[in-house]
Amino acid sequence: MMWLVLAFISATLLGFYDSFKKAALSENAVITVLFLNTFFCSVIFIPFILLSHYTAVLDGSVFHVADGGWEIQKYVFLKSCIVLTSWIFGYFGMKHLPLTIVGPINATRPIMVLVGAMLVFGEVLNLYQWIGVALAVTSFFMLSKSGRKEGIDFKHNRWIYCIIFAAILGAISGLYDKYLMAKPENGGLGLDRMLVQSWYNIYQMFMMAIILLIAVFKPFAHLRGGRALFPQTKFHWNWAIPWISLFLSAADFVYFYALSLPEAMISIVSMIRRGSVIVSFLFGAAVFHEKNLKAKIFDLALVLLGMVFLYIGSK
């Protein structure tokens, strides 16, 4: 059950990724931080691409990146567009909301994946899975009550909508990962996992460079009507920024490796990965000293209980 161990490792790394992301975004320029994240991620993987293409050093290793033309790269590019859009909304939401609210909302992604699988792939939910969905929905409404105590109105707060939209896109990305990683005999493309992870980061870096140019530099003001297309505050360097890329790259590497194992179940891996909320929640309480923790712990417990029912129903 190596894929299960890898899923738990990925979840822990994701928790640290979210925590460092919150630290880096505090009073900082979101677009610049996000560009640097994609830049550092690309820097990590470019050597693997070059060594794989021009030498035999990585042949047969878990770090080898397969070659692939546009017939493959177009699928990776689409993944980059989905993930980057999710990140843009998610980063802005993360900056303006407590981590102890963002985490539980993001933890509902496996529910969205399950519902998406039901709508897109015609899967039928069993009783345990429906209980998991019901618990997740209940926790969301209870979390909105907890947020009101901090002056956050879920119905009228645009940052809440950013996080929700980011979570939906994240769920879509999870379903798409299933399609990319699954073997052709199982209805997927069977793409090389390192090819996907390496190149989707590089595509995102170039897209973020264009967005950064439009958002920051005055020569592009006519493209945005003289106003900032993206809300951009002053940037200041924070050493949490490179740690975002390191933890994200490690979490995704372990995640894709887990999915590449033949016995891995995407629904279970996705659920376990959202357990990262435990790490980020602890950071929110201990490091960022966020408020109203007792009510939020109960909300979080409902989300995790829902994930347990999803696990039972998916076995």
Protein backbone atom coordinates (compact mmCIF):
# COMPACT_ATOMS: atom_id res chain seq x y z
CA MET A 1 0.00 0.00 0.00
CA MET A 2 2.89 2.34 -0.83
CA TRP A 3 0.49 4.70 -2.63
CA LEU A 4 -1.38 5.29 0.66
CA VAL A 5 1.87 6.18 2.48
CA LEU A 6 2.78 8.55 -0.34
CA ALA A 7 -0.66 10.17 -0.16
CA PHE A 8 -0.20 10.92 3.55
CA ILE A 9 3.29 12.33 2.92
CA SER A 10 1.86 14.54 0.17
CA ALA A 11 -0.88 15.75 2.52
CA THR A 12 1.67 16.78 5.17
CA LEU A 13 3.80 18.63 2.61
CA LEU A 14 0.68 20.41 1.27
CA GLY A 15 -0.13 21.60 4.79
CA PHE A 16 3.28 23.26 5.05
CA TYR A 17 2.82 24.67 1.52
CA ASP A 18 -0.44 26.38 2.52
CA SER A 19 1.10 27.71 5.73
CA PHE A 20 4.14 29.24 4.02
CA LYS A 21 1.85 30.60 1.30
CA LYS A 22 -0.20 32.44 3.92
CA ALA A 23 2.98 33.84 5.49
CA ALA A 24 4.35 34.99 2.12
CA LEU A 25 1.09 36.66 1.06
CA SER A 26 0.66 38.69 4.24
CA GLU A 27 0.70 42.37 3.21
CA ASN A 28 2.35 41.38 -0.06
CA ALA A 29 1.76 41.58 -3.82
CA VAL A 30 -0.16 38.45 -4.82
CA ILE A 31 0.75 38.41 -8.51
CA THR A 32 4.48 38.82 -7.81
CA VAL A 33 4.47 36.10 -5.14
CA LEU A 34 2.63 33.75 -7.49
CA PHE A 35 5.05 34.47 -10.35
CA LEU A 36 8.02 33.75 -8.09
CA ASN A 37 6.37 30.51 -6.99
CA THR A 38 6.03 29.34 -10.60
CA PHE A 39 9.58 30.57 -11.34
CA PHE A 40 11.19 28.65 -8.47
CA CYS A 41 9.15 25.53 -9.31
CA SER A 42 10.42 25.73 -12.89
CA VAL A 43 14.00 26.18 -11.70
CA ILE A 44 13.63 22.96 -9.71
CA PHE A 45 12.46 20.92 -12.71
CA ILE A 46 14.39 22.40 -15.67
CA PRO A 47 17.59 20.46 -14.74
CA PHE A 48 15.60 17.20 -14.79
CA ILE A 49 14.27 18.03 -18.28
CA LEU A 50 17.73 18.88 -19.63
CA LEU A 51 19.45 15.88 -18.05
CA SER A 52 16.74 13.54 -19.30
CA HIS A 53 16.84 14.90 -22.85
CA TYR A 54 20.60 15.29 -23.38
CA THR A 55 22.09 12.60 -21.12
CA ALA A 56 21.35 9.13 -19.80
CA VAL A 57 22.04 10.08 -16.17
CA LEU A 58 18.38 9.84 -15.09
CA ASP A 59 17.36 6.89 -17.27
CA GLY A 60 15.37 4.39 -15.25
CA SER A 61 15.09 6.71 -12.23
CA VAL A 62 11.97 8.33 -10.73
CA PHE A 63 13.31 11.73 -11.85
CA HIS A 64 13.46 10.94 -15.57
CA VAL A 65 11.32 13.24 -17.75
CA ALA A 66 9.94 11.63 -20.90
CA ASP A 67 10.01 13.50 -24.22
CA GLY A 68 6.73 14.48 -25.80
CA GLY A 69 5.61 16.60 -28.72
CA TRP A 70 2.62 18.93 -28.98
CA GLU A 71 0.22 15.98 -29.20
CA ILE A 72 1.09 15.37 -25.53
CA GLN A 73 2.07 18.87 -24.45
CA LYS A 74 -1.37 20.28 -25.35
CA TYR A 75 -2.91 18.23 -22.54
CA VAL A 76 -0.28 19.47 -20.09
CA PHE A 77 -0.84 23.05 -21.22
CA LEU A 78 -4.58 22.71 -20.51
CA LYS A 79 -3.74 21.47 -17.01
CA SER A 80 -1.52 24.53 -16.54
CA CYS A 81 -4.40 26.84 -17.47
CA ILE A 82 -6.77 25.12 -15.02
CA VAL A 83 -4.29 25.07 -12.14
CA LEU A 84 -3.03 28.62 -12.66
CA THR A 85 -6.56 30.03 -12.75
CA SER A 86 -7.28 28.15 -9.52
CA TRP A 87 -4.09 29.51 -7.96
CA ILE A 88 -4.83 33.12 -8.90
CA PHE A 89 -8.22 33.02 -7.21
CA GLY A 90 -6.90 30.93 -4.33
CA TYR A 91 -3.93 33.21 -3.62
CA PHE A 92 -6.08 36.33 -3.49
CA GLY A 93 -8.57 34.59 -1.21
CA MET A 94 -5.79 33.23 1.00
CA LYS A 95 -4.30 36.70 1.45
CA HIS A 96 -7.53 38.23 2.74
CA LEU A 97 -8.99 35.36 4.80
CA PRO A 98 -7.90 33.47 7.93
CA LEU A 99 -6.10 30.20 7.25
CA THR A 100 -8.49 28.44 9.62
CA ILE A 101 -11.36 29.30 7.25
CA VAL A 102 -9.56 28.72 3.95
CA GLY A 103 -8.31 25.27 5.01
CA PRO A 104 -11.71 23.69 5.75
CA ILE A 105 -13.19 25.13 2.54
CA ASN A 106 -10.34 23.63 0.52
CA ALA A 107 -10.85 20.35 2.37
CA THR A 108 -14.23 19.98 0.63
CA ARG A 109 -12.47 19.39 -2.73
CA PRO A 110 -12.81 15.58 -2.53
CA ILE A 111 -16.58 16.09 -2.24
CA MET A 112 -16.48 18.19 -5.40
CA VAL A 113 -14.36 15.54 -7.14
CA LEU A 114 -16.90 12.89 -6.15
CA VAL A 115 -19.85 14.97 -7.35
CA GLY A 116 -17.93 15.76 -10.55
CA ALA A 117 -17.26 12.06 -11.12
CA MET A 118 -20.99 11.45 -10.65
CA LEU A 119 -21.96 14.16 -13.16
CA VAL A 120 -19.17 13.64 -15.72
CA PHE A 121 -18.44 9.93 -15.51
CA GLY A 122 -21.92 8.77 -14.46
CA GLU A 123 -20.71 7.28 -11.17
CA VAL A 124 -23.39 6.41 -8.61
CA LEU A 125 -22.86 7.39 -4.97
CA ASN A 126 -23.58 4.87 -2.23
CA LEU A 127 -25.04 5.61 1.20
CA TYR A 128 -21.68 6.26 2.89
CA GLN A 129 -20.64 8.66 0.15
CA TRP A 130 -23.91 10.57 0.39
CA ILE A 131 -23.38 10.87 4.17
CA GLY A 132 -19.90 12.27 3.45
CA VAL A 133 -21.36 14.82 1.04
CA ALA A 134 -24.04 15.83 3.58
CA LEU A 135 -21.45 16.29 6.34
CA ALA A 136 -19.26 18.44 4.09
CA VAL A 137 -22.21 20.66 3.12
CA THR A 138 -23.23 20.98 6.78
CA SER A 139 -19.68 21.91 7.79
CA PHE A 140 -19.62 24.62 5.11
CA PHE A 141 -22.77 26.28 6.47
CA MET A 142 -21.44 26.03 10.03
CA LEU A 143 -18.15 27.54 8.90
CA SER A 144 -20.08 30.48 7.46
CA LYS A 145 -21.55 31.05 10.94
CA SER A 146 -18.07 30.95 12.46
CA GLY A 147 -16.86 33.43 9.85
CA ARG A 148 -19.65 35.88 10.71
CA LYS A 149 -18.20 36.20 14.20
CA GLU A 150 -15.07 37.58 12.55
CA GLY A 151 -17.00 39.92 10.29
CA ILE A 152 -16.80 37.61 7.26
CA ASP A 153 -20.13 37.31 5.45
CA PHE A 154 -19.95 34.27 3.17
CA LYS A 155 -22.77 35.60 0.96
CA HIS A 156 -21.19 38.98 0.27
CA ASN A 157 -17.45 38.43 0.67
CA ARG A 158 -15.66 38.26 -2.68
CA TRP A 159 -12.65 36.51 -1.16
CA ILE A 160 -14.87 33.64 -0.03
CA TYR A 161 -16.09 33.32 -3.61
CA CYS A 162 -12.46 33.33 -4.77
CA ILE A 163 -11.64 30.41 -2.47
CA ILE A 164 -14.76 28.49 -3.51
CA PHE A 165 -14.03 29.03 -7.21
CA ALA A 166 -10.41 28.00 -6.65
CA ALA A 167 -11.60 24.84 -4.88
CA ILE A 168 -13.96 23.98 -7.76
CA LEU A 169 -11.15 24.43 -10.28
CA GLY A 170 -8.89 22.35 -8.04
CA ALA A 171 -11.47 19.56 -8.10
CA ILE A 172 -11.64 19.80 -11.91
CA SER A 173 -7.86 19.55 -11.98
CA GLY A 174 -8.05 16.42 -9.81
CA LEU A 175 -10.48 14.78 -12.23
CA TYR A 176 -8.24 15.81 -15.12
CA ASP A 177 -5.22 14.29 -13.34
CA LYS A 178 -7.11 11.00 -13.24
CA TYR A 179 -7.54 11.20 -17.01
CA LEU A 180 -3.89 12.16 -17.62
CA MET A 181 -2.38 9.50 -15.36
CA ALA A 182 -4.70 6.54 -15.99
CA LYS A 183 -3.48 3.90 -18.41
CA PRO A 184 -5.09 3.89 -21.89
CA GLU A 185 -6.74 0.55 -21.13
CA ASN A 186 -8.46 2.30 -18.20
CA GLY A 187 -9.69 5.21 -20.33
CA GLY A 188 -6.79 7.60 -19.66
CA LEU A 189 -3.76 8.92 -21.53
CA GLY A 190 -1.08 7.27 -19.39
CA LEU A 191 1.22 10.30 -19.52
CA ASP A 192 4.62 10.31 -17.85
CA ARG A 193 4.15 11.90 -14.41
CA MET A 194 7.44 13.83 -14.47
CA LEU A 195 6.62 15.21 -17.92
CA VAL A 196 3.30 16.51 -16.58
CA GLN A 197 4.73 18.03 -13.39
CA SER A 198 7.79 19.57 -15.06
CA TRP A 199 6.12 21.16 -18.04
CA TYR A 200 2.94 22.38 -16.36
CA ASN A 201 5.12 24.43 -14.00
CA ILE A 202 7.08 25.90 -16.92
CA TYR A 203 3.93 26.83 -18.83
CA GLN A 204 2.58 28.50 -15.71
CA MET A 205 5.78 30.50 -15.28
CA PHE A 206 5.48 31.99 -18.78
CA MET A 207 1.78 32.75 -18.32
CA MET A 208 2.47 34.41 -14.96
CA ALA A 209 5.27 36.48 -16.53
CA ILE A 210 2.75 37.92 -19.00
CA ILE A 211 0.22 38.56 -16.23
CA LEU A 212 2.89 40.25 -14.12
CA LEU A 213 3.85 42.53 -17.02
CA ILE A 214 0.23 43.56 -17.51
CA ALA A 215 -0.32 44.06 -13.78
CA VAL A 216 2.83 46.01 -12.96
CA PHE A 217 4.43 47.83 -15.84
CA LYS A 218 3.09 51.17 -17.08
CA PRO A 219 3.71 50.52 -20.82
CA PHE A 220 0.88 47.99 -20.62
CA ALA A 221 -1.56 50.42 -18.97
CA HIS A 222 -3.55 50.79 -22.21
CA LEU A 223 -4.28 47.04 -22.06
CA ARG A 224 -6.05 47.46 -18.74
CA GLY A 225 -7.78 50.78 -19.39
CA GLY A 226 -5.34 52.71 -17.20
CA ARG A 227 -6.36 50.70 -14.12
CA ALA A 228 -4.83 47.64 -12.52
CA LEU A 229 -6.33 44.51 -14.02
CA PHE A 230 -5.21 42.64 -10.88
CA PRO A 231 -5.14 44.28 -7.42
CA GLN A 232 -1.40 44.65 -6.88
CA THR A 233 0.06 45.97 -3.64
CA LYS A 234 3.73 46.72 -3.04
CA PHE A 235 6.00 43.68 -3.12
CA HIS A 236 8.49 42.90 -0.39
CA TRP A 237 10.75 39.86 -0.23
CA ASN A 238 9.79 37.15 2.24
CA TRP A 239 11.86 34.01 2.80
CA ALA A 240 8.62 32.03 2.97
CA ILE A 241 8.33 32.44 -0.85
CA PRO A 242 10.95 29.85 -1.91
CA TRP A 243 9.59 27.45 0.70
CA ILE A 244 6.20 27.62 -1.05
CA SER A 245 7.79 26.23 -4.21
CA LEU A 246 9.85 23.60 -2.41
CA PHE A 247 6.94 22.16 -0.45
CA LEU A 248 4.57 22.35 -3.42
CA SER A 249 7.02 20.63 -5.76
CA ALA A 250 7.71 17.89 -3.21
CA ALA A 251 3.98 17.42 -2.49
CA ASP A 252 3.11 17.18 -6.19
CA PHE A 253 6.05 14.87 -6.93
CA VAL A 254 4.87 12.42 -4.26
CA TYR A 255 1.25 12.83 -5.43
CA PHE A 256 2.00 12.05 -9.08
CA TYR A 257 4.23 9.16 -8.05
CA ALA A 258 1.38 7.72 -5.98
CA LEU A 259 -1.02 8.05 -8.94
CA SER A 260 1.47 6.28 -11.22
CA LEU A 261 1.25 3.11 -9.11
CA PRO A 262 -1.25 0.68 -10.68
CA GLU A 263 -3.24 0.02 -7.49
CA ALA A 264 -3.67 3.71 -6.57
CA MET A 265 -7.21 5.07 -6.28
CA ILE A 266 -7.54 8.76 -7.21
CA SER A 267 -10.62 9.23 -5.00
CA ILE A 268 -8.75 7.98 -1.91
CA VAL A 269 -5.54 9.86 -2.74
CA SER A 270 -7.51 13.08 -3.23
CA MET A 271 -9.25 12.67 0.13
CA ILE A 272 -6.06 11.93 2.03
CA ARG A 273 -4.31 14.94 0.46
CA ARG A 274 -6.99 17.25 1.82
CA GLY A 275 -5.93 16.08 5.27
CA SER A 276 -3.33 18.82 4.78
CA VAL A 277 -5.92 21.07 6.43
CA ILE A 278 -4.85 19.68 9.82
CA VAL A 279 -1.31 21.02 9.37
CA SER A 280 -2.45 24.40 8.04
CA PHE A 281 -5.09 24.69 10.77
CA LEU A 282 -2.45 24.14 13.45
CA PHE A 283 -0.27 26.80 11.81
CA GLY A 284 -3.21 29.21 11.75
CA ALA A 285 -3.78 28.67 15.47
CA ALA A 286 -0.18 28.55 16.71
CA VAL A 287 1.69 30.88 14.33
CA PHE A 288 -0.93 33.34 13.06
CA HIS A 289 -2.97 33.37 16.31
CA GLU A 290 -6.30 33.28 14.49
CA LYS A 291 -9.58 33.64 16.40
CA ASN A 292 -12.74 31.64 17.13
CA LEU A 293 -10.86 28.34 17.05
CA LYS A 294 -13.28 26.26 19.12
CA ALA A 295 -16.13 26.64 16.63
CA LYS A 296 -13.78 26.13 13.68
CA ILE A 297 -12.36 22.93 15.17
CA PHE A 298 -15.89 21.50 15.23
CA ASP A 299 -16.41 22.57 11.61
CA LEU A 300 -13.11 20.97 10.64
CA ALA A 301 -14.05 17.78 12.48
CA LEU A 302 -17.21 17.53 10.37
CA VAL A 303 -15.18 17.87 7.16
CA LEU A 304 -12.75 15.17 8.28
CA LEU A 305 -15.63 12.91 9.36
CA GLY A 306 -17.15 13.39 5.92
CA MET A 307 -13.83 12.32 4.38
CA VAL A 308 -13.88 9.17 6.55
CA PHE A 309 -17.33 8.28 5.19
CA LEU A 310 -16.10 8.92 1.66
CA TYR A 311 -13.18 6.58 2.33
CA ILE A 312 -15.47 3.86 3.66
CA GLY A 313 -17.86 4.29 0.74
CA SER A 314 -15.03 4.17 -1.81
CA LYS A 315 -13.43 0.94 -0.59
